[in-house]
Amino acid sequence: METVWREEDGARLAATVWRAGDGYRAVSSAPLGGGIGPARWVLNAQVAGRYSRTDPVAHLRELAAAFGLEGPGVGMLTAASVSRTVRRDDGGVRVSATVGLRVPTWASAPAGRPDPELAPIDLDGASPPARAPGTVNIVVAVPVPLSDAALVNAVITATEAKTQALLEAGYSCTGTASDAVCVAARTGAAADGAEVEVFAGPRSVWGARIARAVHAAVHAGALDYSAYLEARNRRGQA
């Protein structure tokens, strides 16, 4: 996983790029490459706080081309600081997470309650940023093949571990309204004959490793975000 930089919207913005190459397939909720399919790369790109483009897939394709990414891949956006990406490993599972909690929220909320994260942009600058996508983005790499069901199960496991980490870090939320996740696993042909795993729940061998790695990355990222906010508040009071 490498960090790359670009100039956009008057800001210097970071992105992480994982050039996985052939031999991986992924399940993802990302705008580009979402669903289940082959993935030669994964891109997590930071956008400016007042991001207002309505064509995120086209934007991600532009960025992928600019970074030399070819073939099928997964692309996601975030308003969180990608330069503060946290990486954790557990038993062969590798995880990277960007954690920004500008508008933490509960998954289940009363009908009709507005969410500031999804508020329309106000050109006079009075309202919150428009659609700051994927404020908690998680990328998981698994070195063994996973069945379709296990890939979906891995997403559930990662999401449960994320929520546990946020609660333990002192955030009363399940995440934000625009979180994204990607789980990439080796294909059978690329995994030296390893059997396809059919389970990825938190008590399975690989699901437990996913859970621990995601929990460690998100927990560290949430604490780092808290420290960032405290430092910013201190500067504002000085």
C-alpha atoms as a PDB file:
ATOM      1  CA  MET A   1       0.000   0.000   0.000  1.00  0.00           C
ATOM      2  CA  GLU A   2       1.518   3.302  -1.068  1.00  0.00           C
ATOM      3  CA  THR A   3       0.522   6.914  -0.452  1.00  0.00           C
ATOM      4  CA  VAL A   4       0.340   9.226  -3.464  1.00  0.00           C
ATOM      5  CA  TRP A   5      -0.482  12.928  -3.690  1.00  0.00           C
ATOM      6  CA  ARG A   6      -2.268  15.278  -6.078  1.00  0.00           C
ATOM      7  CA  GLU A   7      -3.365  18.908  -6.275  1.00  0.00           C
ATOM      8  CA  GLU A   8      -7.144  19.371  -6.530  1.00  0.00           C
ATOM      9  CA  ASP A   9      -9.647  22.074  -5.540  1.00  0.00           C
ATOM     10  CA  GLY A  10      -6.779  24.212  -4.296  1.00  0.00           C
ATOM     11  CA  ALA A  11      -5.607  21.566  -1.842  1.00  0.00           C
ATOM     12  CA  ARG A  12      -2.872  18.935  -1.672  1.00  0.00           C
ATOM     13  CA  LEU A  13      -4.725  15.659  -1.206  1.00  0.00           C
ATOM     14  CA  ALA A  14      -3.487  12.153  -0.417  1.00  0.00           C
ATOM     15  CA  ALA A  15      -4.650   8.786  -1.676  1.00  0.00           C
ATOM     16  CA  THR A  16      -3.628   5.247  -0.837  1.00  0.00           C
ATOM     17  CA  VAL A  17      -3.102   2.795  -3.671  1.00  0.00           C
ATOM     18  CA  TRP A  18      -2.821  -0.963  -3.362  1.00  0.00           C
ATOM     19  CA  ARG A  19      -1.468  -2.430  -6.593  1.00  0.00           C
ATOM     20  CA  ALA A  20      -2.570  -6.004  -5.938  1.00  0.00           C
ATOM     21  CA  GLY A  21      -2.143  -7.291  -9.490  1.00  0.00           C
ATOM     22  CA  ASP A  22      -3.842 -10.416 -10.781  1.00  0.00           C
ATOM     23  CA  GLY A  23      -5.153 -13.114  -8.477  1.00  0.00           C
ATOM     24  CA  TYR A  24      -7.589 -11.191  -6.277  1.00  0.00           C
ATOM     25  CA  ARG A  25     -11.332 -10.782  -6.219  1.00  0.00           C
ATOM     26  CA  ALA A  26     -13.145  -8.392  -3.965  1.00  0.00           C
ATOM     27  CA  VAL A  27     -16.473  -7.561  -2.425  1.00  0.00           C
ATOM     28  CA  SER A  28     -17.038  -3.879  -1.896  1.00  0.00           C
ATOM     29  CA  SER A  29     -19.595  -1.154  -1.273  1.00  0.00           C
ATOM     30  CA  ALA A  30     -17.365   1.383  -3.057  1.00  0.00           C
ATOM     31  CA  PRO A  31     -18.770   3.572  -5.864  1.00  0.00           C
ATOM     32  CA  LEU A  32     -16.270   2.184  -8.393  1.00  0.00           C
ATOM     33  CA  GLY A  33     -15.911  -1.587  -8.591  1.00  0.00           C
ATOM     34  CA  GLY A  34     -18.631  -2.254  -6.026  1.00  0.00           C
ATOM     35  CA  GLY A  35     -20.196  -5.708  -5.715  1.00  0.00           C
ATOM     36  CA  ILE A  36     -18.188  -8.910  -6.202  1.00  0.00           C
ATOM     37  CA  GLY A  37     -15.581  -9.230  -8.922  1.00  0.00           C
ATOM     38  CA  PRO A  38     -11.887  -9.248  -9.840  1.00  0.00           C
ATOM     39  CA  ALA A  39      -9.744  -6.438  -8.473  1.00  0.00           C
ATOM     40  CA  ARG A  40      -6.183  -5.640  -9.553  1.00  0.00           C
ATOM     41  CA  TRP A  41      -5.999  -2.524  -7.390  1.00  0.00           C
ATOM     42  CA  VAL A  42      -7.759  -0.612  -4.625  1.00  0.00           C
ATOM     43  CA  LEU A  43      -7.774   3.191  -4.451  1.00  0.00           C
ATOM     44  CA  ASN A  44      -8.853   5.257  -1.436  1.00  0.00           C
ATOM     45  CA  ALA A  45      -8.725   8.935  -2.373  1.00  0.00           C
ATOM     46  CA  GLN A  46      -9.184  11.953  -0.162  1.00  0.00           C
ATOM     47  CA  VAL A  47     -11.401  14.760  -1.420  1.00  0.00           C
ATOM     48  CA  ALA A  48     -11.775  18.335  -0.236  1.00  0.00           C
ATOM     49  CA  GLY A  49     -14.126  18.948   2.689  1.00  0.00           C
ATOM     50  CA  ARG A  50     -16.702  20.707   0.507  1.00  0.00           C
ATOM     51  CA  TYR A  51     -16.706  18.037  -2.190  1.00  0.00           C
ATOM     52  CA  SER A  52     -19.647  18.633  -4.508  1.00  0.00           C
ATOM     53  CA  ARG A  53     -19.051  16.520  -7.625  1.00  0.00           C
ATOM     54  CA  THR A  54     -22.068  14.405  -8.534  1.00  0.00           C
ATOM     55  CA  ASP A  55     -20.076  11.933 -10.669  1.00  0.00           C
ATOM     56  CA  PRO A  56     -17.862  10.066  -8.165  1.00  0.00           C
ATOM     57  CA  VAL A  57     -17.430   7.044 -10.464  1.00  0.00           C
ATOM     58  CA  ALA A  58     -16.110   9.225 -13.298  1.00  0.00           C
ATOM     59  CA  HIS A  59     -13.898  11.076 -10.821  1.00  0.00           C
ATOM     60  CA  LEU A  60     -12.442   7.816  -9.504  1.00  0.00           C
ATOM     61  CA  ARG A  61     -11.772   6.598 -13.039  1.00  0.00           C
ATOM     62  CA  GLU A  62      -9.893   9.826 -13.735  1.00  0.00           C
ATOM     63  CA  LEU A  63      -7.815   9.342 -10.592  1.00  0.00           C
ATOM     64  CA  ALA A  64      -7.135   5.678 -11.366  1.00  0.00           C
ATOM     65  CA  ALA A  65      -5.862   6.606 -14.821  1.00  0.00           C
ATOM     66  CA  ALA A  66      -3.707   9.386 -13.374  1.00  0.00           C
ATOM     67  CA  PHE A  67      -2.100   6.916 -10.957  1.00  0.00           C
ATOM     68  CA  GLY A  68      -1.492   4.332 -13.681  1.00  0.00           C
ATOM     69  CA  LEU A  69      -4.089   1.836 -12.469  1.00  0.00           C
ATOM     70  CA  GLU A  70      -5.345  -0.479 -15.199  1.00  0.00           C
ATOM     71  CA  GLY A  71      -7.937  -3.226 -15.403  1.00  0.00           C
ATOM     72  CA  PRO A  72     -10.685  -3.906 -12.860  1.00  0.00           C
ATOM     73  CA  GLY A  73     -10.318  -2.299  -9.458  1.00  0.00           C
ATOM     74  CA  VAL A  74     -12.081  -0.729  -6.504  1.00  0.00           C
ATOM     75  CA  GLY A  75     -12.205   3.006  -5.880  1.00  0.00           C
ATOM     76  CA  MET A  76     -13.570   4.884  -2.887  1.00  0.00           C
ATOM     77  CA  LEU A  77     -13.557   8.496  -1.699  1.00  0.00           C
ATOM     78  CA  THR A  78     -13.292  10.012   1.753  1.00  0.00           C
ATOM     79  CA  ALA A  79     -13.150  13.421   3.365  1.00  0.00           C
ATOM     80  CA  ALA A  80     -10.987  11.933   6.137  1.00  0.00           C
ATOM     81  CA  SER A  81      -7.249  12.605   6.141  1.00  0.00           C
ATOM     82  CA  VAL A  82      -5.828   9.770   4.057  1.00  0.00           C
ATOM     83  CA  SER A  83      -2.293  10.681   5.140  1.00  0.00           C
ATOM     84  CA  ARG A  84      -3.368   9.446   8.602  1.00  0.00           C
ATOM     85  CA  THR A  85      -4.360   6.000   7.315  1.00  0.00           C
ATOM     86  CA  VAL A  86      -3.862   3.300   9.958  1.00  0.00           C
ATOM     87  CA  ARG A  87      -2.589  -0.161   8.984  1.00  0.00           C
ATOM     88  CA  ARG A  88      -2.803  -3.327  11.045  1.00  0.00           C
ATOM     89  CA  ASP A  89      -2.044  -7.023  10.348  1.00  0.00           C
ATOM     90  CA  ASP A  90      -3.229 -10.221  11.999  1.00  0.00           C
ATOM     91  CA  GLY A  91      -2.227 -13.723  10.939  1.00  0.00           C
ATOM     92  CA  GLY A  92      -1.803 -12.832   7.281  1.00  0.00           C
ATOM     93  CA  VAL A  93      -4.803 -10.472   7.087  1.00  0.00           C
ATOM     94  CA  ARG A  94      -3.844  -6.894   6.239  1.00  0.00           C
ATOM     95  CA  VAL A  95      -6.130  -3.939   6.956  1.00  0.00           C
ATOM     96  CA  SER A  96      -5.941  -0.226   6.256  1.00  0.00           C
ATOM     97  CA  ALA A  97      -8.501   2.233   7.578  1.00  0.00           C
ATOM     98  CA  THR A  98      -9.120   5.947   7.256  1.00  0.00           C
ATOM     99  CA  VAL A  99     -11.183   7.227  10.159  1.00  0.00           C
ATOM    100  CA  GLY A 100     -12.986  10.559  10.088  1.00  0.00           C
ATOM    101  CA  LEU A 101     -15.937  11.065  12.402  1.00  0.00           C
ATOM    102  CA  ARG A 102     -17.163  14.545  11.550  1.00  0.00           C
ATOM    103  CA  VAL A 103     -20.776  13.349  11.719  1.00  0.00           C
ATOM    104  CA  PRO A 104     -20.980  10.070  13.693  1.00  0.00           C
ATOM    105  CA  THR A 105     -24.380   8.446  13.425  1.00  0.00           C
ATOM    106  CA  TRP A 106     -26.392   5.381  14.398  1.00  0.00           C
ATOM    107  CA  ALA A 107     -27.386   3.001  11.620  1.00  0.00           C
ATOM    108  CA  SER A 108     -30.997   2.982  12.817  1.00  0.00           C
ATOM    109  CA  ALA A 109     -32.380   6.487  13.287  1.00  0.00           C
ATOM    110  CA  PRO A 110     -35.952   7.845  13.443  1.00  0.00           C
ATOM    111  CA  ALA A 111     -37.572   8.276  10.046  1.00  0.00           C
ATOM    112  CA  GLY A 112     -37.319  11.785   8.679  1.00  0.00           C
ATOM    113  CA  ARG A 113     -34.439  12.883  10.899  1.00  0.00           C
ATOM    114  CA  PRO A 114     -31.986  14.902   8.732  1.00  0.00           C
ATOM    115  CA  ASP A 115     -28.351  13.835   8.671  1.00  0.00           C
ATOM    116  CA  PRO A 116     -25.905  16.761   8.405  1.00  0.00           C
ATOM    117  CA  GLU A 117     -23.488  14.600   6.411  1.00  0.00           C
ATOM    118  CA  LEU A 118     -26.016  14.303   3.598  1.00  0.00           C
ATOM    119  CA  ALA A 119     -27.234  17.911   3.679  1.00  0.00           C
ATOM    120  CA  PRO A 120     -27.224  19.733   0.328  1.00  0.00           C
ATOM    121  CA  ILE A 121     -24.433  22.209  -0.189  1.00  0.00           C
ATOM    122  CA  ASP A 122     -25.081  25.884   0.519  1.00  0.00           C
ATOM    123  CA  LEU A 123     -23.058  28.112  -1.778  1.00  0.00           C
ATOM    124  CA  ASP A 124     -22.796  30.846   0.842  1.00  0.00           C
ATOM    125  CA  GLY A 125     -20.771  28.427   2.978  1.00  0.00           C
ATOM    126  CA  ALA A 126     -23.244  28.327   5.855  1.00  0.00           C
ATOM    127  CA  SER A 127     -24.101  24.635   5.711  1.00  0.00           C
ATOM    128  CA  PRO A 128     -21.930  21.557   6.322  1.00  0.00           C
ATOM    129  CA  PRO A 129     -19.942  20.073   3.418  1.00  0.00           C
ATOM    130  CA  ALA A 130     -21.967  18.243   0.791  1.00  0.00           C
ATOM    131  CA  ARG A 131     -21.666  14.462   0.691  1.00  0.00           C
ATOM    132  CA  ALA A 132     -18.265  13.922   2.258  1.00  0.00           C
ATOM    133  CA  PRO A 133     -18.081  10.269   1.122  1.00  0.00           C
ATOM    134  CA  GLY A 134     -16.812   7.336   3.141  1.00  0.00           C
ATOM    135  CA  THR A 135     -15.572   8.939   6.337  1.00  0.00           C
ATOM    136  CA  VAL A 136     -14.609   5.514   7.689  1.00  0.00           C
ATOM    137  CA  ASN A 137     -13.143   3.529   4.804  1.00  0.00           C
ATOM    138  CA  ILE A 138     -11.779   0.032   5.399  1.00  0.00           C
ATOM    139  CA  VAL A 139      -9.711  -2.132   3.047  1.00  0.00           C
ATOM    140  CA  VAL A 140      -9.091  -5.770   4.011  1.00  0.00           C
ATOM    141  CA  ALA A 141      -6.715  -8.140   2.198  1.00  0.00           C
ATOM    142  CA  VAL A 142      -7.032 -11.878   2.871  1.00  0.00           C
ATOM    143  CA  PRO A 143      -4.360 -14.300   1.565  1.00  0.00           C
ATOM    144  CA  VAL A 144      -6.735 -17.240   0.985  1.00  0.00           C
ATOM    145  CA  PRO A 145      -9.739 -17.748  -1.323  1.00  0.00           C
ATOM    146  CA  LEU A 146     -13.191 -16.950   0.073  1.00  0.00           C
ATOM    147  CA  SER A 147     -16.486 -18.178  -1.336  1.00  0.00           C
ATOM    148  CA  ASP A 148     -19.117 -15.606  -2.288  1.00  0.00           C
ATOM    149  CA  ALA A 149     -20.923 -16.261   0.992  1.00  0.00           C
ATOM    150  CA  ALA A 150     -17.693 -15.912   2.958  1.00  0.00           C
ATOM    151  CA  LEU A 151     -16.919 -12.608   1.227  1.00  0.00           C
ATOM    152  CA  VAL A 152     -20.295 -11.263   2.317  1.00  0.00           C
ATOM    153  CA  ASN A 153     -19.735 -12.714   5.785  1.00  0.00           C
ATOM    154  CA  ALA A 154     -16.354 -10.936   5.911  1.00  0.00           C
ATOM    155  CA  VAL A 155     -18.067  -7.599   5.261  1.00  0.00           C
ATOM    156  CA  ILE A 156     -20.402  -8.256   8.195  1.00  0.00           C
ATOM    157  CA  THR A 157     -17.482  -9.232  10.419  1.00  0.00           C
ATOM    158  CA  ALA A 158     -15.497  -6.133   9.444  1.00  0.00           C
ATOM    159  CA  THR A 159     -18.497  -3.899  10.088  1.00  0.00           C
ATOM    160  CA  GLU A 160     -19.161  -5.431  13.497  1.00  0.00           C
ATOM    161  CA  ALA A 161     -15.496  -5.011  14.443  1.00  0.00           C
ATOM    162  CA  LYS A 162     -15.569  -1.397  13.247  1.00  0.00           C
ATOM    163  CA  THR A 163     -18.576  -0.613  15.410  1.00  0.00           C
ATOM    164  CA  GLN A 164     -17.016  -2.327  18.442  1.00  0.00           C
ATOM    165  CA  ALA A 165     -13.856  -0.267  17.958  1.00  0.00           C
ATOM    166  CA  LEU A 166     -15.757   3.028  17.677  1.00  0.00           C
ATOM    167  CA  LEU A 167     -17.768   2.342  20.815  1.00  0.00           C
ATOM    168  CA  GLU A 168     -14.631   1.363  22.753  1.00  0.00           C
ATOM    169  CA  ALA A 169     -12.922   4.547  21.551  1.00  0.00           C
ATOM    170  CA  GLY A 170     -15.715   6.612  23.076  1.00  0.00           C
ATOM    171  CA  TYR A 171     -17.881   7.324  20.025  1.00  0.00           C
ATOM    172  CA  SER A 172     -21.591   6.653  20.484  1.00  0.00           C
ATOM    173  CA  CYS A 173     -22.259   5.565  16.908  1.00  0.00           C
ATOM    174  CA  THR A 174     -22.121   2.699  14.451  1.00  0.00           C
ATOM    175  CA  GLY A 175     -20.087   4.766  11.989  1.00  0.00           C
ATOM    176  CA  THR A 176     -21.053   7.493   9.545  1.00  0.00           C
ATOM    177  CA  ALA A 177     -23.725   7.563   6.880  1.00  0.00           C
ATOM    178  CA  SER A 178     -21.234   7.104   4.058  1.00  0.00           C
ATOM    179  CA  ASP A 179     -18.720   4.501   5.258  1.00  0.00           C
ATOM    180  CA  ALA A 180     -17.264   2.127   2.654  1.00  0.00           C
ATOM    181  CA  VAL A 181     -15.588  -1.266   2.868  1.00  0.00           C
ATOM    182  CA  CYS A 182     -13.617  -3.535   0.559  1.00  0.00           C
ATOM    183  CA  VAL A 183     -12.543  -7.115   1.283  1.00  0.00           C
ATOM    184  CA  ALA A 184     -10.132  -8.577  -1.273  1.00  0.00           C
ATOM    185  CA  ALA A 185      -9.230 -12.280  -1.194  1.00  0.00           C
ATOM    186  CA  ARG A 186      -6.907 -14.420  -3.269  1.00  0.00           C
ATOM    187  CA  THR A 187      -8.393 -16.498  -6.031  1.00  0.00           C
ATOM    188  CA  GLY A 188      -7.916 -20.258  -5.887  1.00  0.00           C
ATOM    189  CA  ALA A 189      -5.433 -20.278  -8.766  1.00  0.00           C
ATOM    190  CA  ALA A 190      -3.259 -17.662  -7.066  1.00  0.00           C
ATOM    191  CA  ALA A 191      -3.288 -19.172  -3.585  1.00  0.00           C
ATOM    192  CA  ASP A 192      -1.086 -22.245  -4.185  1.00  0.00           C
ATOM    193  CA  GLY A 193      -4.008 -24.641  -4.137  1.00  0.00           C
ATOM    194  CA  ALA A 194      -5.478 -23.419  -0.852  1.00  0.00           C
ATOM    195  CA  GLU A 195      -9.032 -24.573  -0.290  1.00  0.00           C
ATOM    196  CA  VAL A 196     -11.800 -22.030  -0.631  1.00  0.00           C
ATOM    197  CA  GLU A 197     -12.920 -20.849   2.796  1.00  0.00           C
ATOM    198  CA  VAL A 198     -16.700 -20.940   3.200  1.00  0.00           C
ATOM    199  CA  PHE A 199     -16.915 -19.126   6.549  1.00  0.00           C
ATOM    200  CA  ALA A 200     -15.686 -15.666   7.584  1.00  0.00           C
ATOM    201  CA  GLY A 201     -17.720 -15.014  10.715  1.00  0.00           C
ATOM    202  CA  PRO A 202     -15.912 -13.677  13.795  1.00  0.00           C
ATOM    203  CA  ARG A 203     -15.346 -17.148  15.283  1.00  0.00           C
ATOM    204  CA  SER A 204     -13.991 -18.702  12.089  1.00  0.00           C
ATOM    205  CA  VAL A 205     -10.209 -18.802  11.579  1.00  0.00           C
ATOM    206  CA  TRP A 206     -10.020 -16.070   8.956  1.00  0.00           C
ATOM    207  CA  GLY A 207     -13.013 -14.118  10.196  1.00  0.00           C
ATOM    208  CA  ALA A 208     -11.422 -13.824  13.640  1.00  0.00           C
ATOM    209  CA  ARG A 209      -8.253 -12.455  12.051  1.00  0.00           C
ATOM    210  CA  ILE A 210     -10.283  -9.982   9.987  1.00  0.00           C
ATOM    211  CA  ALA A 211     -12.146  -8.865  13.100  1.00  0.00           C
ATOM    212  CA  ARG A 212      -8.985  -8.325  15.153  1.00  0.00           C
ATOM    213  CA  ALA A 213      -7.165  -6.454  12.400  1.00  0.00           C
ATOM    214  CA  VAL A 214     -10.146  -4.208  11.589  1.00  0.00           C
ATOM    215  CA  HIS A 215     -10.794  -3.551  15.268  1.00  0.00           C
ATOM    216  CA  ALA A 216      -7.157  -2.600  15.880  1.00  0.00           C
ATOM    217  CA  ALA A 217      -6.996  -0.290  12.841  1.00  0.00           C
ATOM    218  CA  VAL A 218     -10.299   1.492  13.452  1.00  0.00           C
ATOM    219  CA  HIS A 219      -9.721   1.828  17.191  1.00  0.00           C
ATOM    220  CA  ALA A 220      -6.301   3.387  16.615  1.00  0.00           C
ATOM    221  CA  GLY A 221      -7.765   5.610  13.903  1.00  0.00           C
ATOM    222  CA  ALA A 222     -10.603   6.792  16.135  1.00  0.00           C
ATOM    223  CA  LEU A 223      -8.207   7.658  18.968  1.00  0.00           C
ATOM    224  CA  ASP A 224      -5.991   9.482  16.472  1.00  0.00           C
ATOM    225  CA  TYR A 225      -9.017  11.427  15.213  1.00  0.00           C
ATOM    226  CA  SER A 226      -9.902  12.415  18.798  1.00  0.00           C
ATOM    227  CA  ALA A 227      -6.345  13.624  19.370  1.00  0.00           C
ATOM    228  CA  TYR A 228      -6.490  15.583  16.109  1.00  0.00           C
ATOM    229  CA  LEU A 229      -9.712  17.316  17.190  1.00  0.00           C
ATOM    230  CA  GLU A 230      -8.277  18.147  20.617  1.00  0.00           C
ATOM    231  CA  ALA A 231      -5.146  19.645  19.054  1.00  0.00           C
ATOM    232  CA  ARG A 232      -7.225  21.684  16.619  1.00  0.00           C
ATOM    233  CA  ASN A 233      -9.419  22.985  19.430  1.00  0.00           C
ATOM    234  CA  ARG A 234      -6.351  23.982  21.445  1.00  0.00           C
ATOM    235  CA  ARG A 235      -4.984  25.914  18.463  1.00  0.00           C
ATOM    236  CA  GLY A 236      -8.345  27.649  18.062  1.00  0.00           C
ATOM    237  CA  GLN A 237      -8.328  28.726  21.704  1.00  0.00           C
ATOM    238  CA  ALA A 238      -4.744  29.995  21.632  1.00  0.00           C
END
